[in-house]
Amino acid sequence: MTSISIRAAQREDAATILHFIRELAIYEKAEHEVKATLETIQSSMFGAQSGVHGLIAEADGEAVGFAVYFYNYSTWLAKPGLYLEDLYVSPAQRGNGYGVALLKHLAGLAVEKQCGRFEWSCLDWNTPSRQFYEALGAEPLSEWIGYRMSGERLAAFAAS
């Protein structure tokens, strides 16, 4: 039987994380949007000022998935929150419990840090993932609309 383990990502995992980011981008039909490199992952996730954390899911010592998360803050609850940026399990390993194990580990971290919320986003067309999350008891936030400013628009707005 395969042994599932979840561990904190280390700087040495940057190439593995980049591999999973690219696989996720291909799945989301957005590979052309990936700007991450080995160097930018090493500095942004594992630099001295980083507020980003990662987890690696392993099957018998081999990486099969990852999660990237950070802490935010709820003013209404006056508590930190845990935000899951990415969760990914290689297609050949799906259905073996790795996604659930990653989410349970994150939920445990949220409880340990006394977070008021554990949140993430999912693309509206990603029915398999949405069904997976809802089967675990997660609720979609239909009343909230995400907004983003990036690239040239972000720079122009900041300069205005």
C-alpha atoms as a PDB file:
ATOM      1  CA  MET A   1       0.000   0.000   0.000  1.00  0.00           C
ATOM      2  CA  THR A   2       1.178   3.492  -0.865  1.00  0.00           C
ATOM      3  CA  SER A   3       2.092   5.729   2.031  1.00  0.00           C
ATOM      4  CA  ILE A   4       0.777   9.313   1.850  1.00  0.00           C
ATOM      5  CA  SER A   5       2.912  11.982   3.435  1.00  0.00           C
ATOM      6  CA  ILE A   6       2.585  15.750   3.477  1.00  0.00           C
ATOM      7  CA  ARG A   7       5.595  17.885   4.277  1.00  0.00           C
ATOM      8  CA  ALA A   8       6.571  21.541   4.191  1.00  0.00           C
ATOM      9  CA  ALA A   9       8.156  22.561   0.912  1.00  0.00           C
ATOM     10  CA  GLN A  10      11.838  23.491   1.053  1.00  0.00           C
ATOM     11  CA  ARG A  11      14.002  25.592  -1.243  1.00  0.00           C
ATOM     12  CA  GLU A  12      15.242  22.356  -2.830  1.00  0.00           C
ATOM     13  CA  ASP A  13      11.652  21.695  -3.981  1.00  0.00           C
ATOM     14  CA  ALA A  14      11.530  24.759  -6.246  1.00  0.00           C
ATOM     15  CA  ALA A  15      11.966  22.721  -9.460  1.00  0.00           C
ATOM     16  CA  THR A  16       9.215  20.321  -8.379  1.00  0.00           C
ATOM     17  CA  ILE A  17       6.915  23.229  -7.545  1.00  0.00           C
ATOM     18  CA  LEU A  18       7.613  24.812 -10.944  1.00  0.00           C
ATOM     19  CA  HIS A  19       6.824  21.489 -12.623  1.00  0.00           C
ATOM     20  CA  PHE A  20       3.470  21.296 -10.821  1.00  0.00           C
ATOM     21  CA  ILE A  21       2.705  24.960 -11.610  1.00  0.00           C
ATOM     22  CA  ARG A  22       3.219  24.233 -15.305  1.00  0.00           C
ATOM     23  CA  GLU A  23       1.058  21.098 -15.140  1.00  0.00           C
ATOM     24  CA  LEU A  24      -1.683  23.088 -13.409  1.00  0.00           C
ATOM     25  CA  ALA A  25      -1.447  25.858 -16.015  1.00  0.00           C
ATOM     26  CA  ILE A  26      -1.788  23.307 -18.817  1.00  0.00           C
ATOM     27  CA  TYR A  27      -4.868  21.853 -17.109  1.00  0.00           C
ATOM     28  CA  GLU A  28      -6.331  25.364 -16.786  1.00  0.00           C
ATOM     29  CA  LYS A  29      -5.513  26.112 -20.448  1.00  0.00           C
ATOM     30  CA  ALA A  30      -3.247  28.987 -19.407  1.00  0.00           C
ATOM     31  CA  GLU A  31       0.306  27.695 -19.814  1.00  0.00           C
ATOM     32  CA  HIS A  32       1.218  30.850 -21.748  1.00  0.00           C
ATOM     33  CA  GLU A  33       0.509  32.912 -18.598  1.00  0.00           C
ATOM     34  CA  VAL A  34       3.164  31.218 -16.441  1.00  0.00           C
ATOM     35  CA  LYS A  35       6.009  33.642 -15.780  1.00  0.00           C
ATOM     36  CA  ALA A  36       7.455  31.716 -12.826  1.00  0.00           C
ATOM     37  CA  THR A  37      11.026  30.449 -13.082  1.00  0.00           C
ATOM     38  CA  LEU A  38      13.174  28.385 -10.769  1.00  0.00           C
ATOM     39  CA  GLU A  39      14.848  31.574  -9.550  1.00  0.00           C
ATOM     40  CA  THR A  40      11.625  33.503  -8.938  1.00  0.00           C
ATOM     41  CA  ILE A  41      10.123  30.606  -6.999  1.00  0.00           C
ATOM     42  CA  GLN A  42      13.254  30.297  -4.880  1.00  0.00           C
ATOM     43  CA  SER A  43      13.269  33.995  -4.049  1.00  0.00           C
ATOM     44  CA  SER A  44       9.524  34.571  -3.655  1.00  0.00           C
ATOM     45  CA  MET A  45       8.656  31.429  -1.712  1.00  0.00           C
ATOM     46  CA  PHE A  46      11.857  30.815   0.195  1.00  0.00           C
ATOM     47  CA  GLY A  47      13.379  34.278   0.599  1.00  0.00           C
ATOM     48  CA  ALA A  48      13.815  35.889   4.005  1.00  0.00           C
ATOM     49  CA  GLN A  49      10.742  38.140   3.650  1.00  0.00           C
ATOM     50  CA  SER A  50       8.423  35.544   2.120  1.00  0.00           C
ATOM     51  CA  GLY A  51       4.943  35.135   3.519  1.00  0.00           C
ATOM     52  CA  VAL A  52       4.229  32.271   1.145  1.00  0.00           C
ATOM     53  CA  HIS A  53       4.287  28.626   2.205  1.00  0.00           C
ATOM     54  CA  GLY A  54       4.179  25.371   0.332  1.00  0.00           C
ATOM     55  CA  LEU A  55       3.375  21.744   0.953  1.00  0.00           C
ATOM     56  CA  ILE A  56       4.503  18.696  -0.987  1.00  0.00           C
ATOM     57  CA  ALA A  57       2.397  15.531  -1.110  1.00  0.00           C
ATOM     58  CA  GLU A  58       4.465  12.392  -1.515  1.00  0.00           C
ATOM     59  CA  ALA A  59       3.689   8.794  -2.337  1.00  0.00           C
ATOM     60  CA  ASP A  60       6.446   6.505  -1.131  1.00  0.00           C
ATOM     61  CA  GLY A  61       8.899   9.426  -1.247  1.00  0.00           C
ATOM     62  CA  GLU A  62       7.911  10.678  -4.719  1.00  0.00           C
ATOM     63  CA  ALA A  63       6.244  14.098  -5.121  1.00  0.00           C
ATOM     64  CA  VAL A  64       2.718  13.706  -6.515  1.00  0.00           C
ATOM     65  CA  GLY A  65       1.152  17.063  -5.670  1.00  0.00           C
ATOM     66  CA  PHE A  66       1.557  20.406  -3.983  1.00  0.00           C
ATOM     67  CA  ALA A  67      -0.226  23.273  -2.306  1.00  0.00           C
ATOM     68  CA  VAL A  68       0.784  26.924  -1.993  1.00  0.00           C
ATOM     69  CA  TYR A  69      -0.817  29.080   0.696  1.00  0.00           C
ATOM     70  CA  PHE A  70      -0.473  32.262   2.700  1.00  0.00           C
ATOM     71  CA  TYR A  71      -2.139  33.942   5.639  1.00  0.00           C
ATOM     72  CA  ASN A  72      -4.495  36.893   5.216  1.00  0.00           C
ATOM     73  CA  TYR A  73      -6.671  38.732   7.716  1.00  0.00           C
ATOM     74  CA  SER A  74     -10.388  39.116   8.367  1.00  0.00           C
ATOM     75  CA  THR A  75     -11.243  42.471   9.888  1.00  0.00           C
ATOM     76  CA  TRP A  76     -14.772  41.335  10.709  1.00  0.00           C
ATOM     77  CA  LEU A  77     -13.540  38.298  12.618  1.00  0.00           C
ATOM     78  CA  ALA A  78     -10.359  40.010  13.848  1.00  0.00           C
ATOM     79  CA  LYS A  79      -8.536  36.786  13.049  1.00  0.00           C
ATOM     80  CA  PRO A  80      -6.067  35.554  10.487  1.00  0.00           C
ATOM     81  CA  GLY A  81      -7.263  33.437   7.604  1.00  0.00           C
ATOM     82  CA  LEU A  82      -5.515  30.816   5.529  1.00  0.00           C
ATOM     83  CA  TYR A  83      -5.772  31.297   1.763  1.00  0.00           C
ATOM     84  CA  LEU A  84      -4.976  28.400  -0.544  1.00  0.00           C
ATOM     85  CA  GLU A  85      -3.490  29.801  -3.748  1.00  0.00           C
ATOM     86  CA  ASP A  86      -2.953  26.495  -5.565  1.00  0.00           C
ATOM     87  CA  LEU A  87      -3.722  22.847  -4.977  1.00  0.00           C
ATOM     88  CA  TYR A  88      -2.632  20.309  -7.561  1.00  0.00           C
ATOM     89  CA  VAL A  89      -2.247  16.549  -7.766  1.00  0.00           C
ATOM     90  CA  SER A  90      -0.774  14.903 -10.865  1.00  0.00           C
ATOM     91  CA  PRO A  91      -3.527  13.344 -13.006  1.00  0.00           C
ATOM     92  CA  ALA A  92      -2.212   9.785 -12.598  1.00  0.00           C
ATOM     93  CA  GLN A  93      -2.424  10.158  -8.803  1.00  0.00           C
ATOM     94  CA  ARG A  94      -5.908  11.647  -8.516  1.00  0.00           C
ATOM     95  CA  GLY A  95      -8.457   9.644  -6.579  1.00  0.00           C
ATOM     96  CA  ASN A  96      -5.838   8.263  -4.186  1.00  0.00           C
ATOM     97  CA  GLY A  97      -6.466  10.703  -1.339  1.00  0.00           C
ATOM     98  CA  TYR A  98      -3.638  13.181  -1.902  1.00  0.00           C
ATOM     99  CA  GLY A  99      -5.902  16.175  -2.473  1.00  0.00           C
ATOM    100  CA  VAL A 100      -7.900  15.369   0.650  1.00  0.00           C
ATOM    101  CA  ALA A 101      -4.675  14.876   2.623  1.00  0.00           C
ATOM    102  CA  LEU A 102      -3.348  18.273   1.491  1.00  0.00           C
ATOM    103  CA  LEU A 103      -6.632  19.994   2.380  1.00  0.00           C
ATOM    104  CA  LYS A 104      -6.808  18.285   5.792  1.00  0.00           C
ATOM    105  CA  HIS A 105      -3.224  19.326   6.521  1.00  0.00           C
ATOM    106  CA  LEU A 106      -4.083  22.922   5.597  1.00  0.00           C
ATOM    107  CA  ALA A 107      -7.255  22.806   7.690  1.00  0.00           C
ATOM    108  CA  GLY A 108      -5.144  21.608  10.616  1.00  0.00           C
ATOM    109  CA  LEU A 109      -2.763  24.535  10.131  1.00  0.00           C
ATOM    110  CA  ALA A 110      -5.725  26.931  10.041  1.00  0.00           C
ATOM    111  CA  VAL A 111      -7.068  25.509  13.304  1.00  0.00           C
ATOM    112  CA  GLU A 112      -3.613  25.563  14.906  1.00  0.00           C
ATOM    113  CA  LYS A 113      -3.144  29.249  13.955  1.00  0.00           C
ATOM    114  CA  GLN A 114      -6.702  30.049  15.136  1.00  0.00           C
ATOM    115  CA  CYS A 115      -7.745  31.183  11.679  1.00  0.00           C
ATOM    116  CA  GLY A 116     -11.316  32.270  11.243  1.00  0.00           C
ATOM    117  CA  ARG A 117     -11.424  31.087   7.636  1.00  0.00           C
ATOM    118  CA  PHE A 118      -9.837  28.685   5.186  1.00  0.00           C
ATOM    119  CA  GLU A 119     -10.567  29.912   1.672  1.00  0.00           C
ATOM    120  CA  TRP A 120      -9.617  29.361  -1.946  1.00  0.00           C
ATOM    121  CA  SER A 121     -10.899  30.043  -5.439  1.00  0.00           C
ATOM    122  CA  CYS A 122     -11.824  27.639  -8.208  1.00  0.00           C
ATOM    123  CA  LEU A 123     -12.461  28.362 -11.861  1.00  0.00           C
ATOM    124  CA  ASP A 124     -16.180  28.326 -12.621  1.00  0.00           C
ATOM    125  CA  TRP A 125     -15.783  25.772 -15.442  1.00  0.00           C
ATOM    126  CA  ASN A 126     -13.771  23.332 -13.282  1.00  0.00           C
ATOM    127  CA  THR A 127     -16.696  21.096 -12.382  1.00  0.00           C
ATOM    128  CA  PRO A 128     -14.608  18.115 -11.133  1.00  0.00           C
ATOM    129  CA  SER A 129     -12.749  20.312  -8.632  1.00  0.00           C
ATOM    130  CA  ARG A 130     -15.900  22.116  -7.546  1.00  0.00           C
ATOM    131  CA  GLN A 131     -17.652  18.794  -6.930  1.00  0.00           C
ATOM    132  CA  PHE A 132     -14.618  17.535  -5.006  1.00  0.00           C
ATOM    133  CA  TYR A 133     -14.561  20.619  -2.734  1.00  0.00           C
ATOM    134  CA  GLU A 134     -18.303  20.589  -2.143  1.00  0.00           C
ATOM    135  CA  ALA A 135     -18.245  16.859  -1.308  1.00  0.00           C
ATOM    136  CA  LEU A 136     -15.806  17.743   1.494  1.00  0.00           C
ATOM    137  CA  GLY A 137     -18.212  20.343   2.894  1.00  0.00           C
ATOM    138  CA  ALA A 138     -16.772  23.516   1.341  1.00  0.00           C
ATOM    139  CA  GLU A 139     -19.319  26.110   0.278  1.00  0.00           C
ATOM    140  CA  PRO A 140     -19.047  28.247  -2.863  1.00  0.00           C
ATOM    141  CA  LEU A 141     -19.165  31.993  -2.252  1.00  0.00           C
ATOM    142  CA  SER A 142     -21.580  33.015  -4.974  1.00  0.00           C
ATOM    143  CA  GLU A 143     -22.108  36.511  -3.578  1.00  0.00           C
ATOM    144  CA  TRP A 144     -18.435  37.513  -3.972  1.00  0.00           C
ATOM    145  CA  ILE A 145     -16.820  38.518  -7.256  1.00  0.00           C
ATOM    146  CA  GLY A 146     -13.058  38.416  -7.521  1.00  0.00           C
ATOM    147  CA  TYR A 147     -11.189  41.416  -8.901  1.00  0.00           C
ATOM    148  CA  ARG A 148      -7.631  41.674 -10.137  1.00  0.00           C
ATOM    149  CA  MET A 149      -5.239  44.352 -11.260  1.00  0.00           C
ATOM    150  CA  SER A 150      -1.914  43.276 -12.751  1.00  0.00           C
ATOM    151  CA  GLY A 151       0.815  44.089 -15.229  1.00  0.00           C
ATOM    152  CA  GLU A 152       0.637  47.423 -17.036  1.00  0.00           C
ATOM    153  CA  ARG A 153      -2.741  48.330 -15.508  1.00  0.00           C
ATOM    154  CA  LEU A 154      -1.361  47.852 -12.008  1.00  0.00           C
ATOM    155  CA  ALA A 155       1.718  49.927 -12.770  1.00  0.00           C
ATOM    156  CA  ALA A 156      -0.315  52.674 -14.436  1.00  0.00           C
ATOM    157  CA  PHE A 157      -2.784  52.840 -11.564  1.00  0.00           C
ATOM    158  CA  ALA A 158       0.003  52.986  -8.976  1.00  0.00           C
ATOM    159  CA  ALA A 159       1.662  55.791 -10.910  1.00  0.00           C
ATOM    160  CA  SER A 160      -1.544  57.808 -11.370  1.00  0.00           C
END
